[in-house]
């Protein structure tokens, strides 16, 4: 039987998601709702197999292997695994300068 994890959202990740959904909802509330559900479902699925996400390439290049990501195009769900908890740390639009955002949030 495989190990089950708890999925916990950091405040900054919740805020990221809120901003994304509010922005989309200005033009299409239905689309915003669909995207919200898709992102939340993808993150909640981490309870079963959190290792399936790849190591974040921009951080890996800096020698940091702690953070993983899942893609819900064009957004990236950044998380880390600790014991029996998966911490969702950020939801970032990949069209932005992701490396600067990640290094600012996770390295400094």
PDB file of N, CA and C in Angstrom:
ATOM      1  N   UNK A   1       0.850  -1.188   0.000  1.00  0.00           N
ATOM      2  CA  UNK A   1       0.000   0.000   0.000  1.00  0.00           C
ATOM      3  C   UNK A   1       0.886   1.238   0.000  1.00  0.00           C
ATOM      4  N   UNK A   2       0.558   2.189  -0.834  1.00  0.00           N
ATOM      5  CA  UNK A   2       1.400   3.379  -0.942  1.00  0.00           C
ATOM      6  C   UNK A   2       1.087   4.391   0.159  1.00  0.00           C
ATOM      7  N   UNK A   3       2.084   5.141   0.483  1.00  0.00           N
ATOM      8  CA  UNK A   3       1.995   6.169   1.517  1.00  0.00           C
ATOM      9  C   UNK A   3       1.089   7.310   1.049  1.00  0.00           C
ATOM     10  N   UNK A   4       0.279   7.842   1.945  1.00  0.00           N
ATOM     11  CA  UNK A   4      -0.593   8.978   1.636  1.00  0.00           C
ATOM     12  C   UNK A   4      -0.049  10.224   2.318  1.00  0.00           C
ATOM     13  N   UNK A   5      -0.156  11.332   1.622  1.00  0.00           N
ATOM     14  CA  UNK A   5       0.362  12.604   2.105  1.00  0.00           C
ATOM     15  C   UNK A   5      -0.788  13.587   2.309  1.00  0.00           C
ATOM     16  N   UNK A   6      -0.563  14.516   3.196  1.00  0.00           N
ATOM     17  CA  UNK A   6      -1.483  15.638   3.363  1.00  0.00           C
ATOM     18  C   UNK A   6      -0.985  16.749   2.439  1.00  0.00           C
ATOM     19  N   UNK A   7      -1.905  17.450   1.780  1.00  0.00           N
ATOM     20  CA  UNK A   7      -1.538  18.568   0.919  1.00  0.00           C
ATOM     21  C   UNK A   7      -1.935  19.863   1.629  1.00  0.00           C
ATOM     22  N   UNK A   8      -0.949  20.732   1.863  1.00  0.00           N
ATOM     23  CA  UNK A   8      -1.177  21.998   2.562  1.00  0.00           C
ATOM     24  C   UNK A   8      -0.742  23.156   1.666  1.00  0.00           C
ATOM     25  N   UNK A   9      -1.567  24.180   1.623  1.00  0.00           N
ATOM     26  CA  UNK A   9      -1.273  25.365   0.794  1.00  0.00           C
ATOM     27  C   UNK A   9      -0.673  26.461   1.657  1.00  0.00           C
ATOM     28  N   UNK A  10       0.476  26.988   1.243  1.00  0.00           N
ATOM     29  CA  UNK A  10       1.079  28.150   1.902  1.00  0.00           C
ATOM     30  C   UNK A  10       0.243  29.382   1.561  1.00  0.00           C
ATOM     31  N   UNK A  11       0.286  30.373   2.427  1.00  0.00           N
ATOM     32  CA  UNK A  11      -0.490  31.604   2.216  1.00  0.00           C
ATOM     33  C   UNK A  11      -0.124  32.272   0.892  1.00  0.00           C
ATOM     34  N   UNK A  12       1.158  32.273   0.540  1.00  0.00           N
ATOM     35  CA  UNK A  12       1.578  32.916  -0.706  1.00  0.00           C
ATOM     36  C   UNK A  12       1.006  32.182  -1.915  1.00  0.00           C
ATOM     37  N   UNK A  13       0.914  30.862  -1.854  1.00  0.00           N
ATOM     38  CA  UNK A  13       0.336  30.090  -2.956  1.00  0.00           C
ATOM     39  C   UNK A  13      -1.162  30.363  -3.085  1.00  0.00           C
ATOM     40  N   UNK A  14      -1.836  30.458  -1.948  1.00  0.00           N
ATOM     41  CA  UNK A  14      -3.262  30.808  -1.974  1.00  0.00           C
ATOM     42  C   UNK A  14      -3.460  32.177  -2.606  1.00  0.00           C
ATOM     43  N   UNK A  15      -2.597  33.105  -2.255  1.00  0.00           N
ATOM     44  CA  UNK A  15      -2.678  34.455  -2.812  1.00  0.00           C
ATOM     45  C   UNK A  15      -2.377  34.450  -4.318  1.00  0.00           C
ATOM     46  N   UNK A  16      -1.382  33.675  -4.725  1.00  0.00           N
ATOM     47  CA  UNK A  16      -1.074  33.540  -6.152  1.00  0.00           C
ATOM     48  C   UNK A  16      -2.311  33.074  -6.910  1.00  0.00           C
ATOM     49  N   UNK A  17      -2.933  32.024  -6.398  1.00  0.00           N
ATOM     50  CA  UNK A  17      -4.099  31.454  -7.057  1.00  0.00           C
ATOM     51  C   UNK A  17      -5.258  32.442  -7.090  1.00  0.00           C
ATOM     52  N   UNK A  18      -5.459  33.122  -5.994  1.00  0.00           N
ATOM     53  CA  UNK A  18      -6.533  34.124  -5.924  1.00  0.00           C
ATOM     54  C   UNK A  18      -6.327  35.210  -6.983  1.00  0.00           C
ATOM     55  N   UNK A  19      -5.108  35.702  -7.107  1.00  0.00           N
ATOM     56  CA  UNK A  19      -4.822  36.746  -8.095  1.00  0.00           C
ATOM     57  C   UNK A  19      -5.044  36.246  -9.522  1.00  0.00           C
ATOM     58  N   UNK A  20      -4.628  35.033  -9.802  1.00  0.00           N
ATOM     59  CA  UNK A  20      -4.817  34.453 -11.127  1.00  0.00           C
ATOM     60  C   UNK A  20      -6.304  34.360 -11.458  1.00  0.00           C
ATOM     61  N   UNK A  21      -7.067  33.821 -10.531  1.00  0.00           N
ATOM     62  CA  UNK A  21      -8.491  33.602 -10.772  1.00  0.00           C
ATOM     63  C   UNK A  21      -9.230  34.929 -10.881  1.00  0.00           C
ATOM     64  N   UNK A  22      -8.901  35.888 -10.039  1.00  0.00           N
ATOM     65  CA  UNK A  22      -9.552  37.205 -10.128  1.00  0.00           C
ATOM     66  C   UNK A  22      -9.267  37.877 -11.469  1.00  0.00           C
ATOM     67  N   UNK A  23      -8.048  37.741 -11.948  1.00  0.00           N
ATOM     68  CA  UNK A  23      -7.677  38.340 -13.233  1.00  0.00           C
ATOM     69  C   UNK A  23      -8.467  37.695 -14.381  1.00  0.00           C
ATOM     70  N   UNK A  24      -8.537  36.387 -14.385  1.00  0.00           N
ATOM     71  CA  UNK A  24      -9.267  35.673 -15.438  1.00  0.00           C
ATOM     72  C   UNK A  24     -10.757  35.964 -15.357  1.00  0.00           C
ATOM     73  N   UNK A  25     -11.274  36.055 -14.141  1.00  0.00           N
ATOM     74  CA  UNK A  25     -12.710  36.266 -13.942  1.00  0.00           C
ATOM     75  C   UNK A  25     -13.188  37.607 -14.483  1.00  0.00           C
ATOM     76  N   UNK A  26     -12.294  38.561 -14.636  1.00  0.00           N
ATOM     77  CA  UNK A  26     -12.684  39.857 -15.205  1.00  0.00           C
ATOM     78  C   UNK A  26     -13.253  39.677 -16.604  1.00  0.00           C
ATOM     79  N   UNK A  27     -12.710  38.738 -17.366  1.00  0.00           N
ATOM     80  CA  UNK A  27     -13.176  38.481 -18.728  1.00  0.00           C
ATOM     81  C   UNK A  27     -14.121  37.292 -18.821  1.00  0.00           C
ATOM     82  N   UNK A  28     -13.889  36.288 -17.980  1.00  0.00           N
ATOM     83  CA  UNK A  28     -14.675  35.058 -18.096  1.00  0.00           C
ATOM     84  C   UNK A  28     -14.786  34.336 -16.752  1.00  0.00           C
ATOM     85  N   UNK A  29     -15.845  34.618 -16.003  1.00  0.00           N
ATOM     86  CA  UNK A  29     -16.031  33.931 -14.718  1.00  0.00           C
ATOM     87  C   UNK A  29     -16.094  32.404 -14.856  1.00  0.00           C
ATOM     88  N   UNK A  30     -16.712  31.928 -15.928  1.00  0.00           N
ATOM     89  CA  UNK A  30     -16.795  30.475 -16.130  1.00  0.00           C
ATOM     90  C   UNK A  30     -15.416  29.863 -16.344  1.00  0.00           C
ATOM     91  N   UNK A  31     -14.614  30.507 -17.163  1.00  0.00           N
ATOM     92  CA  UNK A  31     -13.255  30.034 -17.412  1.00  0.00           C
ATOM     93  C   UNK A  31     -12.431  30.075 -16.124  1.00  0.00           C
ATOM     94  N   UNK A  32     -12.595  31.128 -15.339  1.00  0.00           N
ATOM     95  CA  UNK A  32     -11.881  31.249 -14.065  1.00  0.00           C
ATOM     96  C   UNK A  32     -12.238  30.093 -13.136  1.00  0.00           C
ATOM     97  N   UNK A  33     -13.500  29.750 -13.092  1.00  0.00           N
ATOM     98  CA  UNK A  33     -13.951  28.648 -12.242  1.00  0.00           C
ATOM     99  C   UNK A  33     -13.356  27.314 -12.701  1.00  0.00           C
ATOM    100  N   UNK A  34     -13.324  27.101 -14.006  1.00  0.00           N
ATOM    101  CA  UNK A  34     -12.745  25.869 -14.547  1.00  0.00           C
ATOM    102  C   UNK A  34     -11.255  25.775 -14.230  1.00  0.00           C
ATOM    103  N   UNK A  35     -10.556  26.878 -14.394  1.00  0.00           N
ATOM    104  CA  UNK A  35      -9.114  26.887 -14.124  1.00  0.00           C
ATOM    105  C   UNK A  35      -8.844  26.677 -12.635  1.00  0.00           C
ATOM    106  N   UNK A  36      -9.623  27.329 -11.785  1.00  0.00           N
ATOM    107  CA  UNK A  36      -9.486  27.139 -10.342  1.00  0.00           C
ATOM    108  C   UNK A  36      -9.632  25.664  -9.987  1.00  0.00           C
ATOM    109  N   UNK A  37     -10.671  25.034 -10.511  1.00  0.00           N
ATOM    110  CA  UNK A  37     -10.902  23.620 -10.218  1.00  0.00           C
ATOM    111  C   UNK A  37      -9.766  22.746 -10.741  1.00  0.00           C
ATOM    112  N   UNK A  38      -9.265  23.050 -11.921  1.00  0.00           N
ATOM    113  CA  UNK A  38      -8.194  22.261 -12.520  1.00  0.00           C
ATOM    114  C   UNK A  38      -6.912  22.361 -11.691  1.00  0.00           C
ATOM    115  N   UNK A  39      -6.549  23.576 -11.283  1.00  0.00           N
ATOM    116  CA  UNK A  39      -5.331  23.771 -10.488  1.00  0.00           C
ATOM    117  C   UNK A  39      -5.468  23.116  -9.117  1.00  0.00           C
ATOM    118  N   UNK A  40      -6.607  23.317  -8.464  1.00  0.00           N
ATOM    119  CA  UNK A  40      -6.803  22.734  -7.135  1.00  0.00           C
ATOM    120  C   UNK A  40      -6.816  21.211  -7.194  1.00  0.00           C
ATOM    121  N   UNK A  41      -7.421  20.643  -8.247  1.00  0.00           N
ATOM    122  CA  UNK A  41      -7.457  19.184  -8.383  1.00  0.00           C
ATOM    123  C   UNK A  41      -6.060  18.617  -8.617  1.00  0.00           C
ATOM    124  N   UNK A  42      -5.306  19.279  -9.478  1.00  0.00           N
ATOM    125  CA  UNK A  42      -3.935  18.813  -9.778  1.00  0.00           C
ATOM    126  C   UNK A  42      -3.095  18.822  -8.496  1.00  0.00           C
ATOM    127  N   UNK A  43      -3.230  19.884  -7.698  1.00  0.00           N
ATOM    128  CA  UNK A  43      -2.482  19.968  -6.436  1.00  0.00           C
ATOM    129  C   UNK A  43      -2.968  18.926  -5.429  1.00  0.00           C
ATOM    130  N   UNK A  44      -4.268  18.748  -5.319  1.00  0.00           N
ATOM    131  CA  UNK A  44      -4.774  17.800  -4.332  1.00  0.00           C
ATOM    132  C   UNK A  44      -4.415  16.354  -4.688  1.00  0.00           C
ATOM    133  N   UNK A  45      -4.196  16.083  -5.983  1.00  0.00           N
ATOM    134  CA  UNK A  45      -3.785  14.745  -6.403  1.00  0.00           C
ATOM    135  C   UNK A  45      -2.390  14.375  -5.910  1.00  0.00           C
ATOM    136  N   UNK A  46      -1.654  15.351  -5.410  1.00  0.00           N
ATOM    137  CA  UNK A  46      -0.307  15.088  -4.895  1.00  0.00           C
ATOM    138  C   UNK A  46      -0.324  14.201  -3.650  1.00  0.00           C
ATOM    139  N   UNK A  47      -1.479  14.036  -3.026  1.00  0.00           N
ATOM    140  CA  UNK A  47      -1.559  13.223  -1.815  1.00  0.00           C
ATOM    141  C   UNK A  47      -1.078  11.785  -2.063  1.00  0.00           C
ATOM    142  N   UNK A  48      -1.227  11.309  -3.305  1.00  0.00           N
ATOM    143  CA  UNK A  48      -0.898   9.916  -3.584  1.00  0.00           C
ATOM    144  C   UNK A  48       0.525   9.707  -4.107  1.00  0.00           C
ATOM    145  N   UNK A  49       0.979  10.590  -5.009  1.00  0.00           N
ATOM    146  CA  UNK A  49       2.298  10.402  -5.613  1.00  0.00           C
ATOM    147  C   UNK A  49       3.003  11.743  -5.804  1.00  0.00           C
ATOM    148  N   UNK A  50       3.468  12.352  -4.736  1.00  0.00           N
ATOM    149  CA  UNK A  50       4.066  13.681  -4.864  1.00  0.00           C
ATOM    150  C   UNK A  50       5.388  13.710  -5.631  1.00  0.00           C
ATOM    151  N   UNK A  51       6.060  12.584  -5.726  1.00  0.00           N
ATOM    152  CA  UNK A  51       7.340  12.545  -6.448  1.00  0.00           C
ATOM    153  C   UNK A  51       7.168  12.632  -7.962  1.00  0.00           C
ATOM    154  N   UNK A  52       5.946  12.580  -8.446  1.00  0.00           N
ATOM    155  CA  UNK A  52       5.743  12.584  -9.900  1.00  0.00           C
ATOM    156  C   UNK A  52       6.079  13.924 -10.541  1.00  0.00           C
ATOM    157  N   UNK A  53       6.061  15.005  -9.771  1.00  0.00           N
ATOM    158  CA  UNK A  53       6.439  16.305 -10.309  1.00  0.00           C
ATOM    159  C   UNK A  53       7.945  16.369 -10.536  1.00  0.00           C
ATOM    160  N   UNK A  54       8.340  17.142 -11.535  1.00  0.00           N
ATOM    161  CA  UNK A  54       9.783  17.253 -11.808  1.00  0.00           C
ATOM    162  C   UNK A  54      10.411  18.327 -10.922  1.00  0.00           C
ATOM    163  N   UNK A  55      11.698  18.198 -10.709  1.00  0.00           N
ATOM    164  CA  UNK A  55      12.441  19.213  -9.959  1.00  0.00           C
ATOM    165  C   UNK A  55      12.408  20.498 -10.778  1.00  0.00           C
ATOM    166  N   UNK A  56      12.189  21.626 -10.118  1.00  0.00           N
ATOM    167  CA  UNK A  56      12.088  22.912 -10.800  1.00  0.00           C
ATOM    168  C   UNK A  56      13.418  23.225 -11.486  1.00  0.00           C
ATOM    169  N   UNK A  57      13.429  23.306 -12.818  1.00  0.00           N
ATOM    170  CA  UNK A  57      14.697  23.455 -13.549  1.00  0.00           C
ATOM    171  C   UNK A  57      15.502  24.696 -13.168  1.00  0.00           C
ATOM    172  N   UNK A  58      14.826  25.835 -12.974  1.00  0.00           N
ATOM    173  CA  UNK A  58      15.543  27.073 -12.641  1.00  0.00           C
ATOM    174  C   UNK A  58      16.251  26.969 -11.297  1.00  0.00           C
ATOM    175  N   UNK A  59      15.679  26.218 -10.370  1.00  0.00           N
ATOM    176  CA  UNK A  59      16.316  26.034  -9.067  1.00  0.00           C
ATOM    177  C   UNK A  59      17.354  24.919  -9.114  1.00  0.00           C
ATOM    178  N   UNK A  60      17.063  23.903  -9.911  1.00  0.00           N
ATOM    179  CA  UNK A  60      18.024  22.809 -10.078  1.00  0.00           C
ATOM    180  C   UNK A  60      19.353  23.344 -10.610  1.00  0.00           C
ATOM    181  N   UNK A  61      19.257  24.313 -11.533  1.00  0.00           N
ATOM    182  CA  UNK A  61      20.469  24.935 -12.077  1.00  0.00           C
ATOM    183  C   UNK A  61      21.281  25.646 -10.998  1.00  0.00           C
ATOM    184  N   UNK A  62      20.626  26.020  -9.906  1.00  0.00           N
ATOM    185  CA  UNK A  62      21.298  26.687  -8.789  1.00  0.00           C
ATOM    186  C   UNK A  62      21.727  25.679  -7.707  1.00  0.00           C
ATOM    187  N   UNK A  63      21.533  24.378  -7.990  1.00  0.00           N
ATOM    188  CA  UNK A  63      21.903  23.340  -7.027  1.00  0.00           C
ATOM    189  C   UNK A  63      20.841  23.064  -5.983  1.00  0.00           C
ATOM    190  N   UNK A  64      19.619  23.536  -6.211  1.00  0.00           N
ATOM    191  CA  UNK A  64      18.521  23.362  -5.256  1.00  0.00           C
ATOM    192  C   UNK A  64      17.584  22.284  -5.810  1.00  0.00           C
ATOM    193  N   UNK A  65      17.465  21.172  -5.082  1.00  0.00           N
ATOM    194  CA  UNK A  65      16.674  20.046  -5.566  1.00  0.00           C
ATOM    195  C   UNK A  65      15.451  19.771  -4.692  1.00  0.00           C
ATOM    196  N   UNK A  66      15.133  20.657  -3.798  1.00  0.00           N
ATOM    197  CA  UNK A  66      14.065  20.466  -2.827  1.00  0.00           C
ATOM    198  C   UNK A  66      12.676  20.699  -3.415  1.00  0.00           C
ATOM    199  N   UNK A  67      12.582  21.502  -4.454  1.00  0.00           N
ATOM    200  CA  UNK A  67      11.288  21.944  -4.966  1.00  0.00           C
ATOM    201  C   UNK A  67      10.921  21.234  -6.260  1.00  0.00           C
ATOM    202  N   UNK A  68       9.654  20.886  -6.351  1.00  0.00           N
ATOM    203  CA  UNK A  68       9.126  20.197  -7.523  1.00  0.00           C
ATOM    204  C   UNK A  68       7.990  21.025  -8.114  1.00  0.00           C
ATOM    205  N   UNK A  69       7.572  20.643  -9.315  1.00  0.00           N
ATOM    206  CA  UNK A  69       6.491  21.372  -9.946  1.00  0.00           C
ATOM    207  C   UNK A  69       5.597  20.453 -10.769  1.00  0.00           C
ATOM    208  N   UNK A  70       4.360  20.879 -10.877  1.00  0.00           N
ATOM    209  CA  UNK A  70       3.393  20.303 -11.794  1.00  0.00           C
ATOM    210  C   UNK A  70       2.947  21.430 -12.707  1.00  0.00           C
ATOM    211  N   UNK A  71       2.607  21.088 -13.928  1.00  0.00           N
ATOM    212  CA  UNK A  71       2.192  22.093 -14.898  1.00  0.00           C
ATOM    213  C   UNK A  71       0.699  21.968 -15.170  1.00  0.00           C
ATOM    214  N   UNK A  72       0.018  23.091 -15.072  1.00  0.00           N
ATOM    215  CA  UNK A  72      -1.339  23.258 -15.579  1.00  0.00           C
ATOM    216  C   UNK A  72      -1.199  24.475 -16.485  1.00  0.00           C
ATOM    217  N   UNK A  73      -0.826  24.210 -17.726  1.00  0.00           N
ATOM    218  CA  UNK A  73      -0.402  25.269 -18.653  1.00  0.00           C
ATOM    219  C   UNK A  73      -1.374  26.437 -18.688  1.00  0.00           C
ATOM    220  N   UNK A  74      -0.856  27.662 -18.565  1.00  0.00           N
ATOM    221  CA  UNK A  74       0.547  28.057 -18.500  1.00  0.00           C
ATOM    222  C   UNK A  74       1.065  28.225 -17.064  1.00  0.00           C
ATOM    223  N   UNK A  75       0.367  27.665 -16.092  1.00  0.00           N
ATOM    224  CA  UNK A  75       0.759  27.861 -14.691  1.00  0.00           C
ATOM    225  C   UNK A  75       1.587  26.698 -14.180  1.00  0.00           C
ATOM    226  N   UNK A  76       2.443  27.032 -13.242  1.00  0.00           N
ATOM    227  CA  UNK A  76       3.305  26.050 -12.606  1.00  0.00           C
ATOM    228  C   UNK A  76       2.982  26.016 -11.120  1.00  0.00           C
ATOM    229  N   UNK A  77       2.675  24.838 -10.624  1.00  0.00           N
ATOM    230  CA  UNK A  77       2.397  24.632  -9.198  1.00  0.00           C
ATOM    231  C   UNK A  77       3.712  24.166  -8.576  1.00  0.00           C
ATOM    232  N   UNK A  78       4.290  25.005  -7.728  1.00  0.00           N
ATOM    233  CA  UNK A  78       5.577  24.709  -7.098  1.00  0.00           C
ATOM    234  C   UNK A  78       5.315  24.177  -5.685  1.00  0.00           C
ATOM    235  N   UNK A  79       5.968  23.067  -5.341  1.00  0.00           N
ATOM    236  CA  UNK A  79       5.738  22.458  -4.028  1.00  0.00           C
ATOM    237  C   UNK A  79       6.999  21.767  -3.526  1.00  0.00           C
ATOM    238  N   UNK A  80       6.940  21.401  -2.257  1.00  0.00           N
ATOM    239  CA  UNK A  80       8.017  20.590  -1.679  1.00  0.00           C
ATOM    240  C   UNK A  80       7.381  19.530  -0.785  1.00  0.00           C
ATOM    241  N   UNK A  81       8.094  18.458  -0.619  1.00  0.00           N
ATOM    242  CA  UNK A  81       7.617  17.335   0.179  1.00  0.00           C
ATOM    243  C   UNK A  81       8.405  17.321   1.487  1.00  0.00           C
ATOM    244  N   UNK A  82       7.689  17.191   2.599  1.00  0.00           N
ATOM    245  CA  UNK A  82       8.330  17.102   3.907  1.00  0.00           C
ATOM    246  C   UNK A  82       7.597  16.047   4.728  1.00  0.00           C
ATOM    247  N   UNK A  83       8.278  14.966   5.034  1.00  0.00           N
ATOM    248  CA  UNK A  83       7.688  13.843   5.769  1.00  0.00           C
ATOM    249  C   UNK A  83       6.405  13.374   5.076  1.00  0.00           C
ATOM    250  N   UNK A  84       5.251  13.600   5.702  1.00  0.00           N
ATOM    251  CA  UNK A  84       3.980  13.151   5.134  1.00  0.00           C
ATOM    252  C   UNK A  84       3.130  14.313   4.639  1.00  0.00           C
ATOM    253  N   UNK A  85       3.757  15.460   4.417  1.00  0.00           N
ATOM    254  CA  UNK A  85       3.021  16.637   3.951  1.00  0.00           C
ATOM    255  C   UNK A  85       3.644  17.168   2.666  1.00  0.00           C
ATOM    256  N   UNK A  86       2.777  17.536   1.739  1.00  0.00           N
ATOM    257  CA  UNK A  86       3.189  18.219   0.523  1.00  0.00           C
ATOM    258  C   UNK A  86       2.767  19.667   0.689  1.00  0.00           C
ATOM    259  N   UNK A  87       3.728  20.578   0.634  1.00  0.00           N
ATOM    260  CA  UNK A  87       3.442  22.003   0.793  1.00  0.00           C
ATOM    261  C   UNK A  87       3.399  22.668  -0.579  1.00  0.00           C
ATOM    262  N   UNK A  88       2.228  23.161  -0.960  1.00  0.00           N
ATOM    263  CA  UNK A  88       2.105  23.931  -2.196  1.00  0.00           C
ATOM    264  C   UNK A  88       2.582  25.336  -1.855  1.00  0.00           C
ATOM    265  N   UNK A  89       3.645  25.787  -2.530  1.00  0.00           N
ATOM    266  CA  UNK A  89       4.312  27.028  -2.160  1.00  0.00           C
ATOM    267  C   UNK A  89       4.026  28.196  -3.093  1.00  0.00           C
ATOM    268  N   UNK A  90       3.747  27.912  -4.359  1.00  0.00           N
ATOM    269  CA  UNK A  90       3.497  28.990  -5.326  1.00  0.00           C
ATOM    270  C   UNK A  90       2.726  28.444  -6.511  1.00  0.00           C
ATOM    271  N   UNK A  91       1.952  29.330  -7.114  1.00  0.00           N
ATOM    272  CA  UNK A  91       1.337  29.058  -8.408  1.00  0.00           C
ATOM    273  C   UNK A  91       1.751  30.241  -9.279  1.00  0.00           C
ATOM    274  N   UNK A  92       2.582  29.959 -10.278  1.00  0.00           N
ATOM    275  CA  UNK A  92       3.226  31.022 -11.047  1.00  0.00           C
ATOM    276  C   UNK A  92       2.887  30.879 -12.523  1.00  0.00           C
ATOM    277  N   UNK A  93       2.616  31.998 -13.147  1.00  0.00           N
ATOM    278  CA  UNK A  93       2.385  32.037 -14.588  1.00  0.00           C
ATOM    279  C   UNK A  93       3.733  31.875 -15.277  1.00  0.00           C
ATOM    280  N   UNK A  94       3.877  30.828 -16.063  1.00  0.00           N
ATOM    281  CA  UNK A  94       5.174  30.531 -16.684  1.00  0.00           C
ATOM    282  C   UNK A  94       5.562  31.539 -17.758  1.00  0.00           C
ATOM    283  N   UNK A  95       4.648  32.435 -18.127  1.00  0.00           N
ATOM    284  CA  UNK A  95       4.982  33.459 -19.109  1.00  0.00           C
ATOM    285  C   UNK A  95       5.746  34.624 -18.473  1.00  0.00           C
ATOM    286  N   UNK A  96       5.795  34.632 -17.143  1.00  0.00           N
ATOM    287  CA  UNK A  96       6.578  35.646 -16.438  1.00  0.00           C
ATOM    288  C   UNK A  96       8.010  35.152 -16.262  1.00  0.00           C
ATOM    289  N   UNK A  97       8.879  36.004 -15.726  1.00  0.00           N
ATOM    290  CA  UNK A  97      10.259  35.601 -15.475  1.00  0.00           C
ATOM    291  C   UNK A  97      10.273  34.737 -14.215  1.00  0.00           C
ATOM    292  N   UNK A  98      10.064  33.460 -14.417  1.00  0.00           N
ATOM    293  CA  UNK A  98       9.890  32.519 -13.321  1.00  0.00           C
ATOM    294  C   UNK A  98      11.149  32.390 -12.474  1.00  0.00           C
ATOM    295  N   UNK A  99      12.301  32.422 -13.111  1.00  0.00           N
ATOM    296  CA  UNK A  99      13.546  32.253 -12.362  1.00  0.00           C
ATOM    297  C   UNK A  99      13.707  33.333 -11.293  1.00  0.00           C
ATOM    298  N   UNK A 100      13.454  34.585 -11.654  1.00  0.00           N
ATOM    299  CA  UNK A 100      13.563  35.671 -10.678  1.00  0.00           C
ATOM    300  C   UNK A 100      12.571  35.513  -9.540  1.00  0.00           C
ATOM    301  N   UNK A 101      11.339  35.132  -9.865  1.00  0.00           N
ATOM    302  CA  UNK A 101      10.300  34.944  -8.839  1.00  0.00           C
ATOM    303  C   UNK A 101      10.718  33.844  -7.873  1.00  0.00           C
ATOM    304  N   UNK A 102      11.142  32.721  -8.419  1.00  0.00           N
ATOM    305  CA  UNK A 102      11.508  31.576  -7.574  1.00  0.00           C
ATOM    306  C   UNK A 102      12.724  31.862  -6.719  1.00  0.00           C
ATOM    307  N   UNK A 103      13.744  32.433  -7.309  1.00  0.00           N
ATOM    308  CA  UNK A 103      14.952  32.733  -6.537  1.00  0.00           C
ATOM    309  C   UNK A 103      14.652  33.735  -5.431  1.00  0.00           C
ATOM    310  N   UNK A 104      13.782  34.690  -5.719  1.00  0.00           N
ATOM    311  CA  UNK A 104      13.390  35.669  -4.700  1.00  0.00           C
ATOM    312  C   UNK A 104      12.621  35.017  -3.561  1.00  0.00           C
ATOM    313  N   UNK A 105      11.728  34.100  -3.877  1.00  0.00           N
ATOM    314  CA  UNK A 105      10.895  33.474  -2.864  1.00  0.00           C
ATOM    315  C   UNK A 105      11.597  32.390  -2.071  1.00  0.00           C
ATOM    316  N   UNK A 106      12.424  31.587  -2.736  1.00  0.00           N
ATOM    317  CA  UNK A 106      12.949  30.394  -2.094  1.00  0.00           C
ATOM    318  C   UNK A 106      14.412  30.428  -1.707  1.00  0.00           C
ATOM    319  N   UNK A 107      15.156  31.390  -2.221  1.00  0.00           N
ATOM    320  CA  UNK A 107      16.596  31.412  -1.947  1.00  0.00           C
ATOM    321  C   UNK A 107      16.976  32.538  -0.998  1.00  0.00           C
ATOM    322  N   UNK A 108      16.375  33.698  -1.150  1.00  0.00           N
ATOM    323  CA  UNK A 108      16.772  34.833  -0.310  1.00  0.00           C
ATOM    324  C   UNK A 108      16.085  34.825   1.026  1.00  0.00           C
TER     325      UNK A 108
END
